[in-house]
Amino acid sequence: IVFTDLNTILPEYIVSSLKEGIIDMGKKL
């Protein structure tokens, strides 16, 4: 593995969705 900022790999609409989705999933699990 290589430490990388995934914001530089995936487009903003994917990253923002992941951030929002994972935070919400943390409220459920």
mmCIF file of all heavy atoms, coordinates in Angstrom:
data_MODEL
# 
_entry.id   MODEL 
# 
loop_
_atom_site.group_PDB 
_atom_site.id 
_atom_site.type_symbol 
_atom_site.label_atom_id 
_atom_site.label_alt_id 
_atom_site.label_comp_id 
_atom_site.label_asym_id 
_atom_site.label_entity_id 
_atom_site.label_seq_id 
_atom_site.pdbx_PDB_ins_code 
_atom_site.Cartn_x 
_atom_site.Cartn_y 
_atom_site.Cartn_z 
_atom_site.occupancy 
_atom_site.B_iso_or_equiv 
_atom_site.pdbx_formal_charge 
_atom_site.auth_seq_id 
_atom_site.auth_comp_id 
_atom_site.auth_asym_id 
_atom_site.auth_atom_id 
_atom_site.pdbx_PDB_model_num 
ATOM 1   N N   . ILE A 1 1  ? 0.830   -1.200 0.000   1.00 0.00 ? 1  ILE A N   1 
ATOM 2   C CA  . ILE A 1 1  ? 0.000   0.000  0.000   1.00 0.00 ? 1  ILE A CA  1 
ATOM 3   C C   . ILE A 1 1  ? 0.869   1.257  0.000   1.00 0.00 ? 1  ILE A C   1 
ATOM 4   O O   . ILE A 1 1  ? 2.050   1.216  0.347   1.00 0.00 ? 1  ILE A O   1 
ATOM 5   C CB  . ILE A 1 1  ? -0.964  0.005  1.206   1.00 0.00 ? 1  ILE A CB  1 
ATOM 6   C CG1 . ILE A 1 1  ? -0.206  -0.193 2.533   1.00 0.00 ? 1  ILE A CG1 1 
ATOM 7   C CG2 . ILE A 1 1  ? -2.014  -1.089 1.046   1.00 0.00 ? 1  ILE A CG2 1 
ATOM 8   C CD1 . ILE A 1 1  ? 0.284   1.050  3.200   1.00 0.00 ? 1  ILE A CD1 1 
ATOM 9   N N   . VAL A 1 2  ? 0.257   2.362  -0.393  1.00 0.00 ? 2  VAL A N   1 
ATOM 10  C CA  . VAL A 1 2  ? 0.907   3.672  -0.381  1.00 0.00 ? 2  VAL A CA  1 
ATOM 11  C C   . VAL A 1 2  ? -0.073  4.674  0.230   1.00 0.00 ? 2  VAL A C   1 
ATOM 12  O O   . VAL A 1 2  ? -1.226  4.761  -0.215  1.00 0.00 ? 2  VAL A O   1 
ATOM 13  C CB  . VAL A 1 2  ? 1.280   4.130  -1.811  1.00 0.00 ? 2  VAL A CB  1 
ATOM 14  C CG1 . VAL A 1 2  ? 1.880   5.536  -1.771  1.00 0.00 ? 2  VAL A CG1 1 
ATOM 15  C CG2 . VAL A 1 2  ? 2.255   3.166  -2.458  1.00 0.00 ? 2  VAL A CG2 1 
ATOM 16  N N   . PHE A 1 3  ? 0.363   5.403  1.266   1.00 0.00 ? 3  PHE A N   1 
ATOM 17  C CA  . PHE A 1 3  ? -0.499  6.449  1.809   1.00 0.00 ? 3  PHE A CA  1 
ATOM 18  C C   . PHE A 1 3  ? -0.771  7.493  0.723   1.00 0.00 ? 3  PHE A C   1 
ATOM 19  O O   . PHE A 1 3  ? 0.150   8.044  0.112   1.00 0.00 ? 3  PHE A O   1 
ATOM 20  C CB  . PHE A 1 3  ? 0.154   7.113  3.010   1.00 0.00 ? 3  PHE A CB  1 
ATOM 21  C CG  . PHE A 1 3  ? 0.079   6.305  4.275   1.00 0.00 ? 3  PHE A CG  1 
ATOM 22  C CD1 . PHE A 1 3  ? 1.229   5.965  4.971   1.00 0.00 ? 3  PHE A CD1 1 
ATOM 23  C CD2 . PHE A 1 3  ? -1.151  5.885  4.775   1.00 0.00 ? 3  PHE A CD2 1 
ATOM 24  C CE1 . PHE A 1 3  ? 1.162   5.225  6.130   1.00 0.00 ? 3  PHE A CE1 1 
ATOM 25  C CE2 . PHE A 1 3  ? -1.226  5.132  5.947   1.00 0.00 ? 3  PHE A CE2 1 
ATOM 26  C CZ  . PHE A 1 3  ? -0.062  4.806  6.629   1.00 0.00 ? 3  PHE A CZ  1 
ATOM 27  N N   . THR A 1 4  ? -2.046  7.763  0.478   1.00 0.00 ? 4  THR A N   1 
ATOM 28  C CA  . THR A 1 4  ? -2.464  8.655  -0.597  1.00 0.00 ? 4  THR A CA  1 
ATOM 29  C C   . THR A 1 4  ? -3.725  9.389  -0.169  1.00 0.00 ? 4  THR A C   1 
ATOM 30  O O   . THR A 1 4  ? -4.580  8.817  0.517   1.00 0.00 ? 4  THR A O   1 
ATOM 31  C CB  . THR A 1 4  ? -2.779  7.852  -1.881  1.00 0.00 ? 4  THR A CB  1 
ATOM 32  O OG1 . THR A 1 4  ? -1.678  7.003  -2.193  1.00 0.00 ? 4  THR A OG1 1 
ATOM 33  C CG2 . THR A 1 4  ? -3.073  8.758  -3.053  1.00 0.00 ? 4  THR A CG2 1 
ATOM 34  N N   . ASP A 1 5  ? -3.859  10.635 -0.559  1.00 0.00 ? 5  ASP A N   1 
ATOM 35  C CA  . ASP A 1 5  ? -5.114  11.352 -0.353  1.00 0.00 ? 5  ASP A CA  1 
ATOM 36  C C   . ASP A 1 5  ? -6.070  10.939 -1.466  1.00 0.00 ? 5  ASP A C   1 
ATOM 37  O O   . ASP A 1 5  ? -5.873  11.283 -2.636  1.00 0.00 ? 5  ASP A O   1 
ATOM 38  C CB  . ASP A 1 5  ? -4.873  12.857 -0.368  1.00 0.00 ? 5  ASP A CB  1 
ATOM 39  C CG  . ASP A 1 5  ? -6.143  13.654 -0.075  1.00 0.00 ? 5  ASP A CG  1 
ATOM 40  O OD1 . ASP A 1 5  ? -7.202  13.024 0.175   1.00 0.00 ? 5  ASP A OD1 1 
ATOM 41  O OD2 . ASP A 1 5  ? -6.087  14.896 -0.116  1.00 0.00 ? 5  ASP A OD2 1 
ATOM 42  N N   . LEU A 1 6  ? -7.099  10.178 -1.125  1.00 0.00 ? 6  LEU A N   1 
ATOM 43  C CA  . LEU A 1 6  ? -8.029  9.666  -2.134  1.00 0.00 ? 6  LEU A CA  1 
ATOM 44  C C   . LEU A 1 6  ? -8.803  10.779 -2.841  1.00 0.00 ? 6  LEU A C   1 
ATOM 45  O O   . LEU A 1 6  ? -9.391  10.547 -3.903  1.00 0.00 ? 6  LEU A O   1 
ATOM 46  C CB  . LEU A 1 6  ? -8.996  8.665  -1.487  1.00 0.00 ? 6  LEU A CB  1 
ATOM 47  C CG  . LEU A 1 6  ? -8.336  7.365  -0.996  1.00 0.00 ? 6  LEU A CG  1 
ATOM 48  C CD1 . LEU A 1 6  ? -9.312  6.534  -0.172  1.00 0.00 ? 6  LEU A CD1 1 
ATOM 49  C CD2 . LEU A 1 6  ? -7.800  6.543  -2.166  1.00 0.00 ? 6  LEU A CD2 1 
ATOM 50  N N   . ASN A 1 7  ? -8.786  11.987 -2.274  1.00 0.00 ? 7  ASN A N   1 
ATOM 51  C CA  . ASN A 1 7  ? -9.391  13.120 -2.956  1.00 0.00 ? 7  ASN A CA  1 
ATOM 52  C C   . ASN A 1 7  ? -8.701  13.407 -4.285  1.00 0.00 ? 7  ASN A C   1 
ATOM 53  O O   . ASN A 1 7  ? -9.301  14.007 -5.183  1.00 0.00 ? 7  ASN A O   1 
ATOM 54  C CB  . ASN A 1 7  ? -9.302  14.380 -2.075  1.00 0.00 ? 7  ASN A CB  1 
ATOM 55  C CG  . ASN A 1 7  ? -10.205 14.322 -0.863  1.00 0.00 ? 7  ASN A CG  1 
ATOM 56  O OD1 . ASN A 1 7  ? -11.391 14.612 -0.952  1.00 0.00 ? 7  ASN A OD1 1 
ATOM 57  N ND2 . ASN A 1 7  ? -9.647  13.948 0.282   1.00 0.00 ? 7  ASN A ND2 1 
ATOM 58  N N   . THR A 1 8  ? -7.442  12.974 -4.415  1.00 0.00 ? 8  THR A N   1 
ATOM 59  C CA  . THR A 1 8  ? -6.691  13.220 -5.650  1.00 0.00 ? 8  THR A CA  1 
ATOM 60  C C   . THR A 1 8  ? -6.925  12.145 -6.704  1.00 0.00 ? 8  THR A C   1 
ATOM 61  O O   . THR A 1 8  ? -6.461  12.287 -7.845  1.00 0.00 ? 8  THR A O   1 
ATOM 62  C CB  . THR A 1 8  ? -5.180  13.300 -5.354  1.00 0.00 ? 8  THR A CB  1 
ATOM 63  O OG1 . THR A 1 8  ? -4.720  12.012 -4.889  1.00 0.00 ? 8  THR A OG1 1 
ATOM 64  C CG2 . THR A 1 8  ? -4.883  14.347 -4.301  1.00 0.00 ? 8  THR A CG2 1 
ATOM 65  N N   . ILE A 1 9  ? -7.634  11.074 -6.335  1.00 0.00 ? 9  ILE A N   1 
ATOM 66  C CA  . ILE A 1 9  ? -7.868  9.960  -7.257  1.00 0.00 ? 9  ILE A CA  1 
ATOM 67  C C   . ILE A 1 9  ? -9.308  9.917  -7.737  1.00 0.00 ? 9  ILE A C   1 
ATOM 68  O O   . ILE A 1 9  ? -9.578  9.768  -8.936  1.00 0.00 ? 9  ILE A O   1 
ATOM 69  C CB  . ILE A 1 9  ? -7.484  8.626  -6.584  1.00 0.00 ? 9  ILE A CB  1 
ATOM 70  C CG1 . ILE A 1 9  ? -5.966  8.582  -6.354  1.00 0.00 ? 9  ILE A CG1 1 
ATOM 71  C CG2 . ILE A 1 9  ? -7.937  7.428  -7.423  1.00 0.00 ? 9  ILE A CG2 1 
ATOM 72  C CD1 . ILE A 1 9  ? -5.496  7.357  -5.623  1.00 0.00 ? 9  ILE A CD1 1 
ATOM 73  N N   . LEU A 1 10 ? -10.239 10.055 -6.840  1.00 0.00 ? 10 LEU A N   1 
ATOM 74  C CA  . LEU A 1 10 ? -11.660 9.965  -7.178  1.00 0.00 ? 10 LEU A CA  1 
ATOM 75  C C   . LEU A 1 10 ? -12.244 11.369 -7.361  1.00 0.00 ? 10 LEU A C   1 
ATOM 76  O O   . LEU A 1 10 ? -11.802 12.319 -6.709  1.00 0.00 ? 10 LEU A O   1 
ATOM 77  C CB  . LEU A 1 10 ? -12.419 9.216  -6.080  1.00 0.00 ? 10 LEU A CB  1 
ATOM 78  C CG  . LEU A 1 10 ? -12.062 7.738  -5.928  1.00 0.00 ? 10 LEU A CG  1 
ATOM 79  C CD1 . LEU A 1 10 ? -12.627 7.182  -4.628  1.00 0.00 ? 10 LEU A CD1 1 
ATOM 80  C CD2 . LEU A 1 10 ? -12.566 6.930  -7.119  1.00 0.00 ? 10 LEU A CD2 1 
ATOM 81  N N   . PRO A 1 11 ? -13.248 11.521 -8.207  1.00 0.00 ? 11 PRO A N   1 
ATOM 82  C CA  . PRO A 1 11 ? -13.853 12.835 -8.426  1.00 0.00 ? 11 PRO A CA  1 
ATOM 83  C C   . PRO A 1 11 ? -14.591 13.336 -7.184  1.00 0.00 ? 11 PRO A C   1 
ATOM 84  O O   . PRO A 1 11 ? -15.000 12.547 -6.327  1.00 0.00 ? 11 PRO A O   1 
ATOM 85  C CB  . PRO A 1 11 ? -14.812 12.597 -9.590  1.00 0.00 ? 11 PRO A CB  1 
ATOM 86  C CG  . PRO A 1 11 ? -15.111 11.140 -9.570  1.00 0.00 ? 11 PRO A CG  1 
ATOM 87  C CD  . PRO A 1 11 ? -13.875 10.474 -9.049  1.00 0.00 ? 11 PRO A CD  1 
ATOM 88  N N   . GLU A 1 12 ? -14.791 14.633 -7.122  1.00 0.00 ? 12 GLU A N   1 
ATOM 89  C CA  . GLU A 1 12 ? -15.375 15.250 -5.932  1.00 0.00 ? 12 GLU A CA  1 
ATOM 90  C C   . GLU A 1 12 ? -16.753 14.686 -5.606  1.00 0.00 ? 12 GLU A C   1 
ATOM 91  O O   . GLU A 1 12 ? -17.083 14.468 -4.439  1.00 0.00 ? 12 GLU A O   1 
ATOM 92  C CB  . GLU A 1 12 ? -15.461 16.773 -6.148  1.00 0.00 ? 12 GLU A CB  1 
ATOM 93  C CG  . GLU A 1 12 ? -15.854 17.556 -4.899  1.00 0.00 ? 12 GLU A CG  1 
ATOM 94  C CD  . GLU A 1 12 ? -17.366 17.563 -4.631  1.00 0.00 ? 12 GLU A CD  1 
ATOM 95  O OE1 . GLU A 1 12 ? -18.145 17.441 -5.617  1.00 0.00 ? 12 GLU A OE1 1 
ATOM 96  O OE2 . GLU A 1 12 ? -17.761 17.681 -3.453  1.00 0.00 ? 12 GLU A OE2 1 
ATOM 97  N N   . TYR A 1 13 ? -17.572 14.429 -6.643  1.00 0.00 ? 13 TYR A N   1 
ATOM 98  C CA  . TYR A 1 13 ? -18.929 13.933 -6.364  1.00 0.00 ? 13 TYR A CA  1 
ATOM 99  C C   . TYR A 1 13 ? -18.918 12.530 -5.762  1.00 0.00 ? 13 TYR A C   1 
ATOM 100 O O   . TYR A 1 13 ? -19.843 12.157 -5.034  1.00 0.00 ? 13 TYR A O   1 
ATOM 101 C CB  . TYR A 1 13 ? -19.811 13.990 -7.613  1.00 0.00 ? 13 TYR A CB  1 
ATOM 102 C CG  . TYR A 1 13 ? -19.343 13.156 -8.792  1.00 0.00 ? 13 TYR A CG  1 
ATOM 103 C CD1 . TYR A 1 13 ? -19.630 11.809 -8.886  1.00 0.00 ? 13 TYR A CD1 1 
ATOM 104 C CD2 . TYR A 1 13 ? -18.641 13.748 -9.848  1.00 0.00 ? 13 TYR A CD2 1 
ATOM 105 C CE1 . TYR A 1 13 ? -19.217 11.051 -9.978  1.00 0.00 ? 13 TYR A CE1 1 
ATOM 106 C CE2 . TYR A 1 13 ? -18.229 13.005 -10.944 1.00 0.00 ? 13 TYR A CE2 1 
ATOM 107 C CZ  . TYR A 1 13 ? -18.513 11.654 -10.997 1.00 0.00 ? 13 TYR A CZ  1 
ATOM 108 O OH  . TYR A 1 13 ? -18.104 10.906 -12.078 1.00 0.00 ? 13 TYR A OH  1 
ATOM 109 N N   . ILE A 1 14 ? -17.866 11.755 -6.030  1.00 0.00 ? 14 ILE A N   1 
ATOM 110 C CA  . ILE A 1 14 ? -17.733 10.439 -5.397  1.00 0.00 ? 14 ILE A CA  1 
ATOM 111 C C   . ILE A 1 14 ? -17.236 10.607 -3.960  1.00 0.00 ? 14 ILE A C   1 
ATOM 112 O O   . ILE A 1 14 ? -17.792 10.024 -3.016  1.00 0.00 ? 14 ILE A O   1 
ATOM 113 C CB  . ILE A 1 14 ? -16.762 9.537  -6.189  1.00 0.00 ? 14 ILE A CB  1 
ATOM 114 C CG1 . ILE A 1 14 ? -17.308 9.262  -7.597  1.00 0.00 ? 14 ILE A CG1 1 
ATOM 115 C CG2 . ILE A 1 14 ? -16.514 8.227  -5.433  1.00 0.00 ? 14 ILE A CG2 1 
ATOM 116 C CD1 . ILE A 1 14 ? -18.565 8.443  -7.643  1.00 0.00 ? 14 ILE A CD1 1 
ATOM 117 N N   . VAL A 1 15 ? -16.191 11.406 -3.772  1.00 0.00 ? 15 VAL A N   1 
ATOM 118 C CA  . VAL A 1 15 ? -15.597 11.572 -2.436  1.00 0.00 ? 15 VAL A CA  1 
ATOM 119 C C   . VAL A 1 15 ? -16.590 12.206 -1.468  1.00 0.00 ? 15 VAL A C   1 
ATOM 120 O O   . VAL A 1 15 ? -16.740 11.756 -0.322  1.00 0.00 ? 15 VAL A O   1 
ATOM 121 C CB  . VAL A 1 15 ? -14.300 12.398 -2.512  1.00 0.00 ? 15 VAL A CB  1 
ATOM 122 C CG1 . VAL A 1 15 ? -13.762 12.666 -1.107  1.00 0.00 ? 15 VAL A CG1 1 
ATOM 123 C CG2 . VAL A 1 15 ? -13.248 11.682 -3.335  1.00 0.00 ? 15 VAL A CG2 1 
ATOM 124 N N   . SER A 1 16 ? -17.291 13.244 -1.905  1.00 0.00 ? 16 SER A N   1 
ATOM 125 C CA  . SER A 1 16 ? -18.259 13.893 -1.010  1.00 0.00 ? 16 SER A CA  1 
ATOM 126 C C   . SER A 1 16 ? -19.378 12.928 -0.628  1.00 0.00 ? 16 SER A C   1 
ATOM 127 O O   . SER A 1 16 ? -19.853 12.928 0.522   1.00 0.00 ? 16 SER A O   1 
ATOM 128 C CB  . SER A 1 16 ? -18.834 15.149 -1.663  1.00 0.00 ? 16 SER A CB  1 
ATOM 129 O OG  . SER A 1 16 ? -19.554 14.837 -2.847  1.00 0.00 ? 16 SER A OG  1 
ATOM 130 N N   . SER A 1 17 ? -19.786 12.090 -1.574  1.00 0.00 ? 17 SER A N   1 
ATOM 131 C CA  . SER A 1 17 ? -20.822 11.090 -1.282  1.00 0.00 ? 17 SER A CA  1 
ATOM 132 C C   . SER A 1 17 ? -20.304 10.054 -0.283  1.00 0.00 ? 17 SER A C   1 
ATOM 133 O O   . SER A 1 17 ? -21.036 9.631  0.629   1.00 0.00 ? 17 SER A O   1 
ATOM 134 C CB  . SER A 1 17 ? -21.266 10.397 -2.572  1.00 0.00 ? 17 SER A CB  1 
ATOM 135 O OG  . SER A 1 17 ? -21.804 11.312 -3.494  1.00 0.00 ? 17 SER A OG  1 
ATOM 136 N N   . LEU A 1 18 ? -19.045 9.628  -0.461  1.00 0.00 ? 18 LEU A N   1 
ATOM 137 C CA  . LEU A 1 18 ? -18.457 8.664  0.466   1.00 0.00 ? 18 LEU A CA  1 
ATOM 138 C C   . LEU A 1 18 ? -18.367 9.241  1.872   1.00 0.00 ? 18 LEU A C   1 
ATOM 139 O O   . LEU A 1 18 ? -18.715 8.579  2.861   1.00 0.00 ? 18 LEU A O   1 
ATOM 140 C CB  . LEU A 1 18 ? -17.060 8.253  -0.013  1.00 0.00 ? 18 LEU A CB  1 
ATOM 141 C CG  . LEU A 1 18 ? -16.987 7.341  -1.237  1.00 0.00 ? 18 LEU A CG  1 
ATOM 142 C CD1 . LEU A 1 18 ? -15.541 7.191  -1.697  1.00 0.00 ? 18 LEU A CD1 1 
ATOM 143 C CD2 . LEU A 1 18 ? -17.587 5.968  -0.932  1.00 0.00 ? 18 LEU A CD2 1 
ATOM 144 N N   . LYS A 1 19 ? -17.904 10.466 1.981   1.00 0.00 ? 19 LYS A N   1 
ATOM 145 C CA  . LYS A 1 19 ? -17.777 11.095 3.301   1.00 0.00 ? 19 LYS A CA  1 
ATOM 146 C C   . LYS A 1 19 ? -19.136 11.154 3.994   1.00 0.00 ? 19 LYS A C   1 
ATOM 147 O O   . LYS A 1 19 ? -19.276 10.740 5.150   1.00 0.00 ? 19 LYS A O   1 
ATOM 148 C CB  . LYS A 1 19 ? -17.214 12.515 3.150   1.00 0.00 ? 19 LYS A CB  1 
ATOM 149 C CG  . LYS A 1 19 ? -15.766 12.590 2.710   1.00 0.00 ? 19 LYS A CG  1 
ATOM 150 C CD  . LYS A 1 19 ? -15.349 14.039 2.471   1.00 0.00 ? 19 LYS A CD  1 
ATOM 151 C CE  . LYS A 1 19 ? -13.904 14.158 2.036   1.00 0.00 ? 19 LYS A CE  1 
ATOM 152 N NZ  . LYS A 1 19 ? -13.510 15.569 1.747   1.00 0.00 ? 19 LYS A NZ  1 
ATOM 153 N N   . GLU A 1 20 ? -20.118 11.663 3.283   1.00 0.00 ? 20 GLU A N   1 
ATOM 154 C CA  . GLU A 1 20 ? -21.464 11.801 3.845   1.00 0.00 ? 20 GLU A CA  1 
ATOM 155 C C   . GLU A 1 20 ? -22.062 10.437 4.182   1.00 0.00 ? 20 GLU A C   1 
ATOM 156 O O   . GLU A 1 20 ? -22.646 10.241 5.254   1.00 0.00 ? 20 GLU A O   1 
ATOM 157 C CB  . GLU A 1 20 ? -22.338 12.536 2.827   1.00 0.00 ? 20 GLU A CB  1 
ATOM 158 C CG  . GLU A 1 20 ? -23.753 12.808 3.282   1.00 0.00 ? 20 GLU A CG  1 
ATOM 159 C CD  . GLU A 1 20 ? -24.592 13.417 2.171   1.00 0.00 ? 20 GLU A CD  1 
ATOM 160 O OE1 . GLU A 1 20 ? -24.040 14.148 1.316   1.00 0.00 ? 20 GLU A OE1 1 
ATOM 161 O OE2 . GLU A 1 20 ? -25.807 13.152 2.153   1.00 0.00 ? 20 GLU A OE2 1 
ATOM 162 N N   . GLY A 1 21 ? -21.885 9.491  3.267   1.00 0.00 ? 21 GLY A N   1 
ATOM 163 C CA  . GLY A 1 21 ? -22.468 8.162  3.471   1.00 0.00 ? 21 GLY A CA  1 
ATOM 164 C C   . GLY A 1 21 ? -21.849 7.418  4.631   1.00 0.00 ? 21 GLY A C   1 
ATOM 165 O O   . GLY A 1 21 ? -22.560 6.811  5.454   1.00 0.00 ? 21 GLY A O   1 
ATOM 166 N N   . ILE A 1 22 ? -20.531 7.441  4.747   1.00 0.00 ? 22 ILE A N   1 
ATOM 167 C CA  . ILE A 1 22 ? -19.855 6.703  5.824   1.00 0.00 ? 22 ILE A CA  1 
ATOM 168 C C   . ILE A 1 22 ? -20.195 7.305  7.187   1.00 0.00 ? 22 ILE A C   1 
ATOM 169 O O   . ILE A 1 22 ? -20.394 6.578  8.167   1.00 0.00 ? 22 ILE A O   1 
ATOM 170 C CB  . ILE A 1 22 ? -18.334 6.663  5.573   1.00 0.00 ? 22 ILE A CB  1 
ATOM 171 C CG1 . ILE A 1 22 ? -18.039 5.806  4.341   1.00 0.00 ? 22 ILE A CG1 1 
ATOM 172 C CG2 . ILE A 1 22 ? -17.592 6.101  6.791   1.00 0.00 ? 22 ILE A CG2 1 
ATOM 173 C CD1 . ILE A 1 22 ? -16.592 5.843  3.878   1.00 0.00 ? 22 ILE A CD1 1 
ATOM 174 N N   . ILE A 1 23 ? -20.268 8.646  7.260   1.00 0.00 ? 23 ILE A N   1 
ATOM 175 C CA  . ILE A 1 23 ? -20.675 9.277  8.526   1.00 0.00 ? 23 ILE A CA  1 
ATOM 176 C C   . ILE A 1 23 ? -22.070 8.811  8.933   1.00 0.00 ? 23 ILE A C   1 
ATOM 177 O O   . ILE A 1 23 ? -22.315 8.447  10.089  1.00 0.00 ? 23 ILE A O   1 
ATOM 178 C CB  . ILE A 1 23 ? -20.634 10.816 8.397   1.00 0.00 ? 23 ILE A CB  1 
ATOM 179 C CG1 . ILE A 1 23 ? -19.180 11.297 8.340   1.00 0.00 ? 23 ILE A CG1 1 
ATOM 180 C CG2 . ILE A 1 23 ? -21.364 11.476 9.565   1.00 0.00 ? 23 ILE A CG2 1 
ATOM 181 C CD1 . ILE A 1 23 ? -19.040 12.775 8.021   1.00 0.00 ? 23 ILE A CD1 1 
ATOM 182 N N   . ASP A 1 24 ? -22.992 8.782  7.988   1.00 0.00 ? 24 ASP A N   1 
ATOM 183 C CA  . ASP A 1 24 ? -24.360 8.330  8.285   1.00 0.00 ? 24 ASP A CA  1 
ATOM 184 C C   . ASP A 1 24 ? -24.385 6.854  8.673   1.00 0.00 ? 24 ASP A C   1 
ATOM 185 O O   . ASP A 1 24 ? -25.108 6.454  9.592   1.00 0.00 ? 24 ASP A O   1 
ATOM 186 C CB  . ASP A 1 24 ? -25.258 8.569  7.072   1.00 0.00 ? 24 ASP A CB  1 
ATOM 187 C CG  . ASP A 1 24 ? -26.692 8.141  7.335   1.00 0.00 ? 24 ASP A CG  1 
ATOM 188 O OD1 . ASP A 1 24 ? -27.356 8.777  8.167   1.00 0.00 ? 24 ASP A OD1 1 
ATOM 189 O OD2 . ASP A 1 24 ? -27.137 7.151  6.716   1.00 0.00 ? 24 ASP A OD2 1 
ATOM 190 N N   . MET A 1 25 ? -23.579 6.035  7.985   1.00 0.00 ? 25 MET A N   1 
ATOM 191 C CA  . MET A 1 25 ? -23.528 4.609  8.312   1.00 0.00 ? 25 MET A CA  1 
ATOM 192 C C   . MET A 1 25 ? -22.971 4.384  9.714   1.00 0.00 ? 25 MET A C   1 
ATOM 193 O O   . MET A 1 25 ? -23.365 3.438  10.403  1.00 0.00 ? 25 MET A O   1 
ATOM 194 C CB  . MET A 1 25 ? -22.685 3.869  7.271   1.00 0.00 ? 25 MET A CB  1 
ATOM 195 C CG  . MET A 1 25 ? -23.330 3.821  5.891   1.00 0.00 ? 25 MET A CG  1 
ATOM 196 S SD  . MET A 1 25 ? -22.212 3.203  4.610   1.00 0.00 ? 25 MET A SD  1 
ATOM 197 C CE  . MET A 1 25 ? -23.204 3.446  3.136   1.00 0.00 ? 25 MET A CE  1 
ATOM 198 N N   . GLY A 1 26 ? -22.066 5.273  10.145  1.00 0.00 ? 26 GLY A N   1 
ATOM 199 C CA  . GLY A 1 26 ? -21.530 5.171  11.506  1.00 0.00 ? 26 GLY A CA  1 
ATOM 200 C C   . GLY A 1 26 ? -22.575 5.415  12.570  1.00 0.00 ? 26 GLY A C   1 
ATOM 201 O O   . GLY A 1 26 ? -22.434 4.944  13.705  1.00 0.00 ? 26 GLY A O   1 
ATOM 202 N N   . LYS A 1 27 ? -23.637 6.127  12.215  1.00 0.00 ? 27 LYS A N   1 
ATOM 203 C CA  . LYS A 1 27 ? -24.742 6.343  13.163  1.00 0.00 ? 27 LYS A CA  1 
ATOM 204 C C   . LYS A 1 27 ? -25.612 5.095  13.282  1.00 0.00 ? 27 LYS A C   1 
ATOM 205 O O   . LYS A 1 27 ? -26.306 4.900  14.284  1.00 0.00 ? 27 LYS A O   1 
ATOM 206 C CB  . LYS A 1 27 ? -25.593 7.527  12.708  1.00 0.00 ? 27 LYS A CB  1 
ATOM 207 C CG  . LYS A 1 27 ? -24.832 8.854  12.700  1.00 0.00 ? 27 LYS A CG  1 
ATOM 208 C CD  . LYS A 1 27 ? -25.678 9.965  12.095  1.00 0.00 ? 27 LYS A CD  1 
ATOM 209 C CE  . LYS A 1 27 ? -24.889 11.277 12.017  1.00 0.00 ? 27 LYS A CE  1 
ATOM 210 N NZ  . LYS A 1 27 ? -25.681 12.361 11.360  1.00 0.00 ? 27 LYS A NZ  1 
ATOM 211 N N   . LYS A 1 28 ? -25.576 4.268  12.251  1.00 0.00 ? 28 LYS A N   1 
ATOM 212 C CA  . LYS A 1 28 ? -26.379 3.039  12.241  1.00 0.00 ? 28 LYS A CA  1 
ATOM 213 C C   . LYS A 1 28 ? -25.609 1.841  12.780  1.00 0.00 ? 28 LYS A C   1 
ATOM 214 O O   . LYS A 1 28 ? -26.199 0.898  13.305  1.00 0.00 ? 28 LYS A O   1 
ATOM 215 C CB  . LYS A 1 28 ? -26.840 2.744  10.804  1.00 0.00 ? 28 LYS A CB  1 
ATOM 216 C CG  . LYS A 1 28 ? -27.666 3.847  10.179  1.00 0.00 ? 28 LYS A CG  1 
ATOM 217 C CD  . LYS A 1 28 ? -27.890 3.600  8.693   1.00 0.00 ? 28 LYS A CD  1 
ATOM 218 C CE  . LYS A 1 28 ? -28.641 4.744  8.041   1.00 0.00 ? 28 LYS A CE  1 
ATOM 219 N NZ  . LYS A 1 28 ? -28.773 4.578  6.566   1.00 0.00 ? 28 LYS A NZ  1 
ATOM 220 N N   . LEU A 1 29 ? -24.280 1.876  12.609  1.00 0.00 ? 29 LEU A N   1 
ATOM 221 C CA  . LEU A 1 29 ? -23.423 0.768  13.033  1.00 0.00 ? 29 LEU A CA  1 
ATOM 222 C C   . LEU A 1 29 ? -22.223 1.351  13.768  1.00 0.00 ? 29 LEU A C   1 
ATOM 223 O O   . LEU A 1 29 ? -21.343 1.966  13.145  1.00 0.00 ? 29 LEU A O   1 
ATOM 224 C CB  . LEU A 1 29 ? -22.965 -0.058 11.828  1.00 0.00 ? 29 LEU A CB  1 
ATOM 225 C CG  . LEU A 1 29 ? -22.116 -1.292 12.118  1.00 0.00 ? 29 LEU A CG  1 
ATOM 226 C CD1 . LEU A 1 29 ? -22.902 -2.324 12.915  1.00 0.00 ? 29 LEU A CD1 1 
ATOM 227 C CD2 . LEU A 1 29 ? -21.605 -1.907 10.824  1.00 0.00 ? 29 LEU A CD2 1 
# 
